[in-house]
Amino acid sequence: HRIRSLLVAPTLFVLFLSALGHKEWRFVMYVVPLANI
C-alpha cells in the first residue's frame, strides 16, 4: 500500500500530460525514480 500511495501523483501527472498533443519522453522522466522504487 505504501507503493500505491507513492505512485498516485506520478500516475496523475502522466495522465495530465497525455492531454497535450506534443509528447516527449523527457516530459515524464521524473516518474522513473518512483517507478523504480
PDB file of all heavy atoms in Angstrom:
ATOM      1  N   HIS A   1       0.832  -1.210   0.000  1.00  0.00           N
ATOM      2  CA  HIS A   1       0.000   0.000   0.000  1.00  0.00           C
ATOM      3  C   HIS A   1       0.867   1.260   0.000  1.00  0.00           C
ATOM      4  O   HIS A   1       0.449   2.318  -0.508  1.00  0.00           O
ATOM      5  CB  HIS A   1      -0.927  -0.003   1.215  1.00  0.00           C
ATOM      6  CG  HIS A   1      -0.209   0.167   2.525  1.00  0.00           C
ATOM      7  ND1 HIS A   1       0.016   1.393   3.110  1.00  0.00           N
ATOM      8  CD2 HIS A   1       0.353  -0.745   3.381  1.00  0.00           C
ATOM      9  CE1 HIS A   1       0.679   1.250   4.236  1.00  0.00           C
ATOM     10  NE2 HIS A   1       0.899  -0.046   4.432  1.00  0.00           N
ATOM     11  N   ARG A   2       2.073   1.175   0.561  1.00  0.00           N
ATOM     12  CA  ARG A   2       2.970   2.329   0.540  1.00  0.00           C
ATOM     13  C   ARG A   2       3.379   2.677  -0.887  1.00  0.00           C
ATOM     14  O   ARG A   2       3.524   3.853  -1.241  1.00  0.00           O
ATOM     15  CB  ARG A   2       4.212   2.041   1.386  1.00  0.00           C
ATOM     16  CG  ARG A   2       3.943   1.835   2.862  1.00  0.00           C
ATOM     17  CD  ARG A   2       5.195   1.351   3.578  1.00  0.00           C
ATOM     18  NE  ARG A   2       5.636   0.049   3.082  1.00  0.00           N
ATOM     19  CZ  ARG A   2       6.760  -0.559   3.459  1.00  0.00           C
ATOM     20  NH1 ARG A   2       7.564   0.035   4.340  1.00  0.00           N
ATOM     21  NH2 ARG A   2       7.095  -1.739   2.976  1.00  0.00           N
ATOM     22  N   ILE A   3       3.575   1.659  -1.721  1.00  0.00           N
ATOM     23  CA  ILE A   3       3.917   1.881  -3.130  1.00  0.00           C
ATOM     24  C   ILE A   3       2.737   2.490  -3.873  1.00  0.00           C
ATOM     25  O   ILE A   3       2.905   3.403  -4.691  1.00  0.00           O
ATOM     26  CB  ILE A   3       4.352   0.552  -3.788  1.00  0.00           C
ATOM     27  CG1 ILE A   3       5.639   0.031  -3.152  1.00  0.00           C
ATOM     28  CG2 ILE A   3       4.522   0.727  -5.290  1.00  0.00           C
ATOM     29  CD1 ILE A   3       6.840   0.923  -3.341  1.00  0.00           C
ATOM     30  N   ARG A   4       1.550   2.008  -3.580  1.00  0.00           N
ATOM     31  CA  ARG A   4       0.359   2.570  -4.240  1.00  0.00           C
ATOM     32  C   ARG A   4       0.218   4.057  -3.913  1.00  0.00           C
ATOM     33  O   ARG A   4      -0.102   4.871  -4.783  1.00  0.00           O
ATOM     34  CB  ARG A   4      -0.887   1.800  -3.817  1.00  0.00           C
ATOM     35  CG  ARG A   4      -0.933   0.384  -4.350  1.00  0.00           C
ATOM     36  CD  ARG A   4      -2.316  -0.225  -4.188  1.00  0.00           C
ATOM     37  NE  ARG A   4      -2.655  -0.463  -2.781  1.00  0.00           N
ATOM     38  CZ  ARG A   4      -2.325  -1.555  -2.110  1.00  0.00           C
ATOM     39  NH1 ARG A   4      -1.635  -2.524  -2.721  1.00  0.00           N
ATOM     40  NH2 ARG A   4      -2.688  -1.711  -0.853  1.00  0.00           N
ATOM     41  N   SER A   5       0.466   4.407  -2.669  1.00  0.00           N
ATOM     42  CA  SER A   5       0.397   5.816  -2.275  1.00  0.00           C
ATOM     43  C   SER A   5       1.470   6.637  -2.978  1.00  0.00           C
ATOM     44  O   SER A   5       1.220   7.766  -3.433  1.00  0.00           O
ATOM     45  CB  SER A   5       0.564   5.925  -0.755  1.00  0.00           C
ATOM     46  OG  SER A   5       0.597   7.272  -0.346  1.00  0.00           O
ATOM     47  N   LEU A   6       2.637   6.054  -3.114  1.00  0.00           N
ATOM     48  CA  LEU A   6       3.766   6.741  -3.740  1.00  0.00           C
ATOM     49  C   LEU A   6       3.524   7.001  -5.232  1.00  0.00           C
ATOM     50  O   LEU A   6       4.008   7.983  -5.791  1.00  0.00           O
ATOM     51  CB  LEU A   6       5.016   5.892  -3.531  1.00  0.00           C
ATOM     52  CG  LEU A   6       6.355   6.333  -4.075  1.00  0.00           C
ATOM     53  CD1 LEU A   6       7.461   5.991  -3.087  1.00  0.00           C
ATOM     54  CD2 LEU A   6       6.653   5.616  -5.401  1.00  0.00           C
ATOM     55  N   LEU A   7       2.751   6.144  -5.881  1.00  0.00           N
ATOM     56  CA  LEU A   7       2.557   6.232  -7.335  1.00  0.00           C
ATOM     57  C   LEU A   7       1.335   7.052  -7.746  1.00  0.00           C
ATOM     58  O   LEU A   7       1.108   7.256  -8.939  1.00  0.00           O
ATOM     59  CB  LEU A   7       2.437   4.829  -7.934  1.00  0.00           C
ATOM     60  CG  LEU A   7       3.702   3.964  -7.918  1.00  0.00           C
ATOM     61  CD1 LEU A   7       3.434   2.601  -8.550  1.00  0.00           C
ATOM     62  CD2 LEU A   7       4.854   4.658  -8.634  1.00  0.00           C
ATOM     63  N   VAL A   8       0.538   7.525  -6.779  1.00  0.00           N
ATOM     64  CA  VAL A   8      -0.677   8.272  -7.130  1.00  0.00           C
ATOM     65  C   VAL A   8      -0.336   9.532  -7.917  1.00  0.00           C
ATOM     66  O   VAL A   8      -0.856   9.770  -9.022  1.00  0.00           O
ATOM     67  CB  VAL A   8      -1.479   8.622  -5.861  1.00  0.00           C
ATOM     68  CG1 VAL A   8      -2.580   9.627  -6.199  1.00  0.00           C
ATOM     69  CG2 VAL A   8      -2.092   7.370  -5.260  1.00  0.00           C
ATOM     70  N   ALA A   9       0.531  10.377  -7.363  1.00  0.00           N
ATOM     71  CA  ALA A   9       0.859  11.656  -8.005  1.00  0.00           C
ATOM     72  C   ALA A   9       1.531  11.474  -9.364  1.00  0.00           C
ATOM     73  O   ALA A   9       1.138  12.128 -10.347  1.00  0.00           O
ATOM     74  CB  ALA A   9       1.730  12.501  -7.080  1.00  0.00           C
ATOM     75  N   PRO A  10       2.555  10.604  -9.496  1.00  0.00           N
ATOM     76  CA  PRO A  10       3.168  10.434 -10.812  1.00  0.00           C
ATOM     77  C   PRO A  10       2.213   9.881 -11.869  1.00  0.00           C
ATOM     78  O   PRO A  10       2.303  10.248 -13.039  1.00  0.00           O
ATOM     79  CB  PRO A  10       4.335   9.474 -10.565  1.00  0.00           C
ATOM     80  CG  PRO A  10       4.119   8.901  -9.227  1.00  0.00           C
ATOM     81  CD  PRO A  10       3.320   9.886  -8.459  1.00  0.00           C
ATOM     82  N   THR A  11       1.282   9.008 -11.460  1.00  0.00           N
ATOM     83  CA  THR A  11       0.317   8.474 -12.420  1.00  0.00           C
ATOM     84  C   THR A  11      -0.601   9.578 -12.929  1.00  0.00           C
ATOM     85  O   THR A  11      -0.861   9.699 -14.132  1.00  0.00           O
ATOM     86  CB  THR A  11      -0.514   7.353 -11.779  1.00  0.00           C
ATOM     87  OG1 THR A  11       0.353   6.308 -11.330  1.00  0.00           O
ATOM     88  CG2 THR A  11      -1.508   6.777 -12.782  1.00  0.00           C
ATOM     89  N   LEU A  12      -1.094  10.415 -12.020  1.00  0.00           N
ATOM     90  CA  LEU A  12      -1.936  11.545 -12.431  1.00  0.00           C
ATOM     91  C   LEU A  12      -1.147  12.536 -13.275  1.00  0.00           C
ATOM     92  O   LEU A  12      -1.678  13.126 -14.225  1.00  0.00           O
ATOM     93  CB  LEU A  12      -2.513  12.233 -11.195  1.00  0.00           C
ATOM     94  CG  LEU A  12      -3.550  11.421 -10.409  1.00  0.00           C
ATOM     95  CD1 LEU A  12      -3.924  12.148  -9.124  1.00  0.00           C
ATOM     96  CD2 LEU A  12      -4.783  11.155 -11.261  1.00  0.00           C
ATOM     97  N   PHE A  13       0.112  12.723 -12.935  1.00  0.00           N
ATOM     98  CA  PHE A  13       0.989  13.603 -13.712  1.00  0.00           C
ATOM     99  C   PHE A  13       1.061  13.157 -15.169  1.00  0.00           C
ATOM    100  O   PHE A  13       0.919  13.969 -16.097  1.00  0.00           O
ATOM    101  CB  PHE A  13       2.375  13.599 -13.068  1.00  0.00           C
ATOM    102  CG  PHE A  13       3.478  14.192 -13.895  1.00  0.00           C
ATOM    103  CD1 PHE A  13       3.481  15.525 -14.229  1.00  0.00           C
ATOM    104  CD2 PHE A  13       4.538  13.390 -14.330  1.00  0.00           C
ATOM    105  CE1 PHE A  13       4.515  16.071 -14.986  1.00  0.00           C
ATOM    106  CE2 PHE A  13       5.564  13.930 -15.079  1.00  0.00           C
ATOM    107  CZ  PHE A  13       5.555  15.268 -15.409  1.00  0.00           C
ATOM    108  N   VAL A  14       1.264  11.881 -15.400  1.00  0.00           N
ATOM    109  CA  VAL A  14       1.334  11.355 -16.770  1.00  0.00           C
ATOM    110  C   VAL A  14      -0.021  11.484 -17.460  1.00  0.00           C
ATOM    111  O   VAL A  14      -0.096  11.813 -18.655  1.00  0.00           O
ATOM    112  CB  VAL A  14       1.817   9.889 -16.771  1.00  0.00           C
ATOM    113  CG1 VAL A  14       1.850   9.348 -18.191  1.00  0.00           C
ATOM    114  CG2 VAL A  14       3.206   9.789 -16.140  1.00  0.00           C
ATOM    115  N   LEU A  15      -1.095  11.257 -16.733  1.00  0.00           N
ATOM    116  CA  LEU A  15      -2.431  11.414 -17.311  1.00  0.00           C
ATOM    117  C   LEU A  15      -2.673  12.859 -17.743  1.00  0.00           C
ATOM    118  O   LEU A  15      -3.213  13.116 -18.826  1.00  0.00           O
ATOM    119  CB  LEU A  15      -3.491  10.984 -16.301  1.00  0.00           C
ATOM    120  CG  LEU A  15      -3.690   9.475 -16.108  1.00  0.00           C
ATOM    121  CD1 LEU A  15      -4.614   9.211 -14.932  1.00  0.00           C
ATOM    122  CD2 LEU A  15      -4.244   8.836 -17.384  1.00  0.00           C
ATOM    123  N   PHE A  16      -2.280  13.810 -16.910  1.00  0.00           N
ATOM    124  CA  PHE A  16      -2.444  15.223 -17.274  1.00  0.00           C
ATOM    125  C   PHE A  16      -1.639  15.564 -18.529  1.00  0.00           C
ATOM    126  O   PHE A  16      -2.133  16.241 -19.446  1.00  0.00           O
ATOM    127  CB  PHE A  16      -1.993  16.118 -16.111  1.00  0.00           C
ATOM    128  CG  PHE A  16      -2.869  16.046 -14.894  1.00  0.00           C
ATOM    129  CD1 PHE A  16      -2.356  16.345 -13.640  1.00  0.00           C
ATOM    130  CD2 PHE A  16      -4.191  15.663 -14.997  1.00  0.00           C
ATOM    131  CE1 PHE A  16      -3.152  16.268 -12.506  1.00  0.00           C
ATOM    132  CE2 PHE A  16      -5.008  15.580 -13.867  1.00  0.00           C
ATOM    133  CZ  PHE A  16      -4.489  15.882 -12.626  1.00  0.00           C
ATOM    134  N   LEU A  17      -0.387  15.115 -18.575  1.00  0.00           N
ATOM    135  CA  LEU A  17       0.452  15.403 -19.730  1.00  0.00           C
ATOM    136  C   LEU A  17      -0.068  14.741 -20.997  1.00  0.00           C
ATOM    137  O   LEU A  17       0.176  15.224 -22.108  1.00  0.00           O
ATOM    138  CB  LEU A  17       1.891  14.941 -19.460  1.00  0.00           C
ATOM    139  CG  LEU A  17       2.786  15.882 -18.652  1.00  0.00           C
ATOM    140  CD1 LEU A  17       4.149  15.259 -18.452  1.00  0.00           C
ATOM    141  CD2 LEU A  17       2.926  17.237 -19.329  1.00  0.00           C
ATOM    142  N   SER A  18      -0.785  13.643 -20.847  1.00  0.00           N
ATOM    143  CA  SER A  18      -1.315  12.929 -22.010  1.00  0.00           C
ATOM    144  C   SER A  18      -2.347  13.751 -22.758  1.00  0.00           C
ATOM    145  O   SER A  18      -2.655  13.468 -23.920  1.00  0.00           O
ATOM    146  CB  SER A  18      -1.931  11.597 -21.566  1.00  0.00           C
ATOM    147  OG  SER A  18      -0.943  10.742 -21.017  1.00  0.00           O
ATOM    148  N   ALA A  19      -2.892  14.772 -22.109  1.00  0.00           N
ATOM    149  CA  ALA A  19      -3.868  15.630 -22.775  1.00  0.00           C
ATOM    150  C   ALA A  19      -3.222  16.576 -23.777  1.00  0.00           C
ATOM    151  O   ALA A  19      -3.908  17.126 -24.652  1.00  0.00           O
ATOM    152  CB  ALA A  19      -4.649  16.428 -21.733  1.00  0.00           C
ATOM    153  N   LEU A  20      -1.911  16.778 -23.670  1.00  0.00           N
ATOM    154  CA  LEU A  20      -1.194  17.650 -24.602  1.00  0.00           C
ATOM    155  C   LEU A  20      -0.788  16.858 -25.838  1.00  0.00           C
ATOM    156  O   LEU A  20      -0.366  15.703 -25.736  1.00  0.00           O
ATOM    157  CB  LEU A  20       0.046  18.244 -23.938  1.00  0.00           C
ATOM    158  CG  LEU A  20      -0.207  19.101 -22.692  1.00  0.00           C
ATOM    159  CD1 LEU A  20       1.122  19.557 -22.088  1.00  0.00           C
ATOM    160  CD2 LEU A  20      -1.077  20.311 -23.029  1.00  0.00           C
ATOM    161  N   GLY A  21      -0.901  17.479 -26.980  1.00  0.00           N
ATOM    162  CA  GLY A  21      -0.626  16.773 -28.238  1.00  0.00           C
ATOM    163  C   GLY A  21       0.830  16.413 -28.429  1.00  0.00           C
ATOM    164  O   GLY A  21       1.175  15.297 -28.818  1.00  0.00           O
ATOM    165  N   HIS A  22       1.738  17.374 -28.151  1.00  0.00           N
ATOM    166  CA  HIS A  22       3.168  17.121 -28.327  1.00  0.00           C
ATOM    167  C   HIS A  22       3.704  16.370 -27.125  1.00  0.00           C
ATOM    168  O   HIS A  22       3.539  16.797 -25.979  1.00  0.00           O
ATOM    169  CB  HIS A  22       3.926  18.435 -28.502  1.00  0.00           C
ATOM    170  CG  HIS A  22       5.399  18.253 -28.676  1.00  0.00           C
ATOM    171  ND1 HIS A  22       5.935  17.574 -29.742  1.00  0.00           N
ATOM    172  CD2 HIS A  22       6.452  18.653 -27.901  1.00  0.00           C
ATOM    173  CE1 HIS A  22       7.257  17.570 -29.636  1.00  0.00           C
ATOM    174  NE2 HIS A  22       7.591  18.209 -28.528  1.00  0.00           N
ATOM    175  N   LYS A  23       4.356  15.260 -27.388  1.00  0.00           N
ATOM    176  CA  LYS A  23       4.839  14.413 -26.298  1.00  0.00           C
ATOM    177  C   LYS A  23       6.297  14.044 -26.533  1.00  0.00           C
ATOM    178  O   LYS A  23       6.701  13.764 -27.651  1.00  0.00           O
ATOM    179  CB  LYS A  23       3.988  13.133 -26.192  1.00  0.00           C
ATOM    180  CG  LYS A  23       2.519  13.398 -25.855  1.00  0.00           C
ATOM    181  CD  LYS A  23       1.697  12.129 -25.882  1.00  0.00           C
ATOM    182  CE  LYS A  23       0.272  12.403 -25.448  1.00  0.00           C
ATOM    183  NZ  LYS A  23      -0.428  13.309 -26.381  1.00  0.00           N
ATOM    184  N   GLU A  24       7.055  14.046 -25.450  1.00  0.00           N
ATOM    185  CA  GLU A  24       8.445  13.591 -25.474  1.00  0.00           C
ATOM    186  C   GLU A  24       8.712  12.796 -24.206  1.00  0.00           C
ATOM    187  O   GLU A  24       8.121  13.075 -23.152  1.00  0.00           O
ATOM    188  CB  GLU A  24       9.416  14.779 -25.548  1.00  0.00           C
ATOM    189  CG  GLU A  24       9.337  15.582 -26.833  1.00  0.00           C
ATOM    190  CD  GLU A  24      10.383  16.676 -26.891  1.00  0.00           C
ATOM    191  OE1 GLU A  24      11.467  16.486 -26.286  1.00  0.00           O
ATOM    192  OE2 GLU A  24      10.135  17.707 -27.519  1.00  0.00           O
ATOM    193  N   TRP A  25       9.620  11.838 -24.293  1.00  0.00           N
ATOM    194  CA  TRP A  25       9.916  11.016 -23.122  1.00  0.00           C
ATOM    195  C   TRP A  25      10.472  11.849 -21.980  1.00  0.00           C
ATOM    196  O   TRP A  25      10.263  11.537 -20.801  1.00  0.00           O
ATOM    197  CB  TRP A  25      10.897   9.896 -23.481  1.00  0.00           C
ATOM    198  CG  TRP A  25      12.291  10.337 -23.827  1.00  0.00           C
ATOM    199  CD1 TRP A  25      12.799  10.589 -25.069  1.00  0.00           C
ATOM    200  CD2 TRP A  25      13.355  10.617 -22.898  1.00  0.00           C
ATOM    201  NE1 TRP A  25      14.113  10.995 -24.979  1.00  0.00           N
ATOM    202  CE2 TRP A  25      14.484  11.013 -23.662  1.00  0.00           C
ATOM    203  CE3 TRP A  25      13.473  10.547 -21.513  1.00  0.00           C
ATOM    204  CZ2 TRP A  25      15.700  11.350 -23.072  1.00  0.00           C
ATOM    205  CZ3 TRP A  25      14.689  10.888 -20.923  1.00  0.00           C
ATOM    206  CH2 TRP A  25      15.787  11.283 -21.706  1.00  0.00           C
ATOM    207  N   ARG A  26      11.177  12.952 -22.313  1.00  0.00           N
ATOM    208  CA  ARG A  26      11.786  13.765 -21.265  1.00  0.00           C
ATOM    209  C   ARG A  26      10.750  14.435 -20.366  1.00  0.00           C
ATOM    210  O   ARG A  26      11.038  14.767 -19.221  1.00  0.00           O
ATOM    211  CB  ARG A  26      12.701  14.829 -21.878  1.00  0.00           C
ATOM    212  CG  ARG A  26      13.978  14.272 -22.463  1.00  0.00           C
ATOM    213  CD  ARG A  26      14.959  15.380 -22.805  1.00  0.00           C
ATOM    214  NE  ARG A  26      14.450  16.280 -23.816  1.00  0.00           N
ATOM    215  CZ  ARG A  26      14.568  16.078 -25.124  1.00  0.00           C
ATOM    216  NH1 ARG A  26      15.188  14.996 -25.566  1.00  0.00           N
ATOM    217  NH2 ARG A  26      14.082  16.938 -25.986  1.00  0.00           N
ATOM    218  N   PHE A  27       9.528  14.641 -20.900  1.00  0.00           N
ATOM    219  CA  PHE A  27       8.495  15.296 -20.097  1.00  0.00           C
ATOM    220  C   PHE A  27       8.045  14.429 -18.920  1.00  0.00           C
ATOM    221  O   PHE A  27       7.566  14.958 -17.912  1.00  0.00           O
ATOM    222  CB  PHE A  27       7.278  15.642 -20.964  1.00  0.00           C
ATOM    223  CG  PHE A  27       7.563  16.627 -22.069  1.00  0.00           C
ATOM    224  CD1 PHE A  27       6.650  16.817 -23.094  1.00  0.00           C
ATOM    225  CD2 PHE A  27       8.729  17.371 -22.092  1.00  0.00           C
ATOM    226  CE1 PHE A  27       6.892  17.723 -24.113  1.00  0.00           C
ATOM    227  CE2 PHE A  27       8.993  18.277 -23.113  1.00  0.00           C
ATOM    228  CZ  PHE A  27       8.062  18.458 -24.121  1.00  0.00           C
ATOM    229  N   VAL A  28       8.165  13.116 -19.041  1.00  0.00           N
ATOM    230  CA  VAL A  28       7.659  12.218 -17.993  1.00  0.00           C
ATOM    231  C   VAL A  28       8.779  11.480 -17.259  1.00  0.00           C
ATOM    232  O   VAL A  28       8.515  10.578 -16.474  1.00  0.00           O
ATOM    233  CB  VAL A  28       6.649  11.197 -18.556  1.00  0.00           C
ATOM    234  CG1 VAL A  28       5.397  11.892 -19.069  1.00  0.00           C
ATOM    235  CG2 VAL A  28       7.274  10.348 -19.658  1.00  0.00           C
ATOM    236  N   MET A  29       9.991  11.856 -17.495  1.00  0.00           N
ATOM    237  CA  MET A  29      11.108  11.111 -16.904  1.00  0.00           C
ATOM    238  C   MET A  29      11.152  11.240 -15.383  1.00  0.00           C
ATOM    239  O   MET A  29      11.746  10.416 -14.698  1.00  0.00           O
ATOM    240  CB  MET A  29      12.425  11.599 -17.488  1.00  0.00           C
ATOM    241  CG  MET A  29      12.711  13.030 -17.163  1.00  0.00           C
ATOM    242  SD  MET A  29      14.388  13.492 -17.496  1.00  0.00           S
ATOM    243  CE  MET A  29      14.562  14.833 -16.308  1.00  0.00           C
ATOM    244  N   TYR A  30      10.474  12.275 -14.825  1.00  0.00           N
ATOM    245  CA  TYR A  30      10.502  12.471 -13.378  1.00  0.00           C
ATOM    246  C   TYR A  30       9.796  11.343 -12.623  1.00  0.00           C
ATOM    247  O   TYR A  30       9.994  11.201 -11.413  1.00  0.00           O
ATOM    248  CB  TYR A  30       9.839  13.809 -13.012  1.00  0.00           C
ATOM    249  CG  TYR A  30      10.263  14.949 -13.892  1.00  0.00           C
ATOM    250  CD1 TYR A  30       9.395  15.472 -14.856  1.00  0.00           C
ATOM    251  CD2 TYR A  30      11.539  15.493 -13.800  1.00  0.00           C
ATOM    252  CE1 TYR A  30       9.781  16.509 -15.680  1.00  0.00           C
ATOM    253  CE2 TYR A  30      11.936  16.531 -14.629  1.00  0.00           C
ATOM    254  CZ  TYR A  30      11.046  17.025 -15.579  1.00  0.00           C
ATOM    255  OH  TYR A  30      11.438  18.048 -16.400  1.00  0.00           O
ATOM    256  N   VAL A  31       8.989  10.557 -13.318  1.00  0.00           N
ATOM    257  CA  VAL A  31       8.277   9.462 -12.643  1.00  0.00           C
ATOM    258  C   VAL A  31       9.152   8.210 -12.551  1.00  0.00           C
ATOM    259  O   VAL A  31       8.823   7.287 -11.813  1.00  0.00           O
ATOM    260  CB  VAL A  31       6.943   9.113 -13.350  1.00  0.00           C
ATOM    261  CG1 VAL A  31       6.108  10.359 -13.582  1.00  0.00           C
ATOM    262  CG2 VAL A  31       7.181   8.394 -14.671  1.00  0.00           C
ATOM    263  N   VAL A  32      10.252   8.169 -13.302  1.00  0.00           N
ATOM    264  CA  VAL A  32      11.059   6.953 -13.369  1.00  0.00           C
ATOM    265  C   VAL A  32      11.641   6.555 -12.006  1.00  0.00           C
ATOM    266  O   VAL A  32      11.567   5.378 -11.624  1.00  0.00           O
ATOM    267  CB  VAL A  32      12.161   7.095 -14.433  1.00  0.00           C
ATOM    268  CG1 VAL A  32      13.123   5.905 -14.387  1.00  0.00           C
ATOM    269  CG2 VAL A  32      11.534   7.202 -15.825  1.00  0.00           C
ATOM    270  N   PRO A  33      12.235   7.483 -11.217  1.00  0.00           N
ATOM    271  CA  PRO A  33      12.759   7.057  -9.915  1.00  0.00           C
ATOM    272  C   PRO A  33      11.696   6.432  -9.015  1.00  0.00           C
ATOM    273  O   PRO A  33      11.967   5.429  -8.335  1.00  0.00           O
ATOM    274  CB  PRO A  33      13.315   8.358  -9.319  1.00  0.00           C
ATOM    275  CG  PRO A  33      13.667   9.196 -10.506  1.00  0.00           C
ATOM    276  CD  PRO A  33      12.596   8.894 -11.500  1.00  0.00           C
ATOM    277  N   LEU A  34      10.495   6.992  -9.003  1.00  0.00           N
ATOM    278  CA  LEU A  34       9.435   6.431  -8.170  1.00  0.00           C
ATOM    279  C   LEU A  34       8.968   5.086  -8.710  1.00  0.00           C
ATOM    280  O   LEU A  34       8.697   4.153  -7.935  1.00  0.00           O
ATOM    281  CB  LEU A  34       8.256   7.403  -8.076  1.00  0.00           C
ATOM    282  CG  LEU A  34       8.557   8.754  -7.412  1.00  0.00           C
ATOM    283  CD1 LEU A  34       7.283   9.570  -7.271  1.00  0.00           C
ATOM    284  CD2 LEU A  34       9.212   8.568  -6.058  1.00  0.00           C
ATOM    285  N   ALA A  35       8.872   4.975 -10.036  1.00  0.00           N
ATOM    286  CA  ALA A  35       8.509   3.686 -10.628  1.00  0.00           C
ATOM    287  C   ALA A  35       9.567   2.636 -10.323  1.00  0.00           C
ATOM    288  O   ALA A  35       9.235   1.453 -10.120  1.00  0.00           O
ATOM    289  CB  ALA A  35       8.324   3.844 -12.138  1.00  0.00           C
ATOM    290  N   ASN A  36      10.814   3.039 -10.266  1.00  0.00           N
ATOM    291  CA  ASN A  36      11.886   2.088  -9.951  1.00  0.00           C
ATOM    292  C   ASN A  36      11.849   1.651  -8.484  1.00  0.00           C
ATOM    293  O   ASN A  36      12.253   0.527  -8.161  1.00  0.00           O
ATOM    294  CB  ASN A  36      13.249   2.696 -10.291  1.00  0.00           C
ATOM    295  CG  ASN A  36      13.520   2.700 -11.777  1.00  0.00           C
ATOM    296  OD1 ASN A  36      12.868   1.988 -12.541  1.00  0.00           O
ATOM    297  ND2 ASN A  36      14.472   3.504 -12.207  1.00  0.00           N
ATOM    298  N   ILE A  37      11.389   2.539  -7.602  1.00  0.00           N
ATOM    299  CA  ILE A  37      11.179   2.120  -6.210  1.00  0.00           C
ATOM    300  C   ILE A  37      10.115   1.030  -6.165  1.00  0.00           C
ATOM    301  O   ILE A  37      10.277   0.001  -5.489  1.00  0.00           O
ATOM    302  CB  ILE A  37      10.765   3.317  -5.335  1.00  0.00           C
ATOM    303  CG1 ILE A  37      11.898   4.343  -5.258  1.00  0.00           C
ATOM    304  CG2 ILE A  37      10.389   2.847  -3.936  1.00  0.00           C
ATOM    305  CD1 ILE A  37      11.519   5.624  -4.518  1.00  0.00           C
TER     306      ILE A  37
END
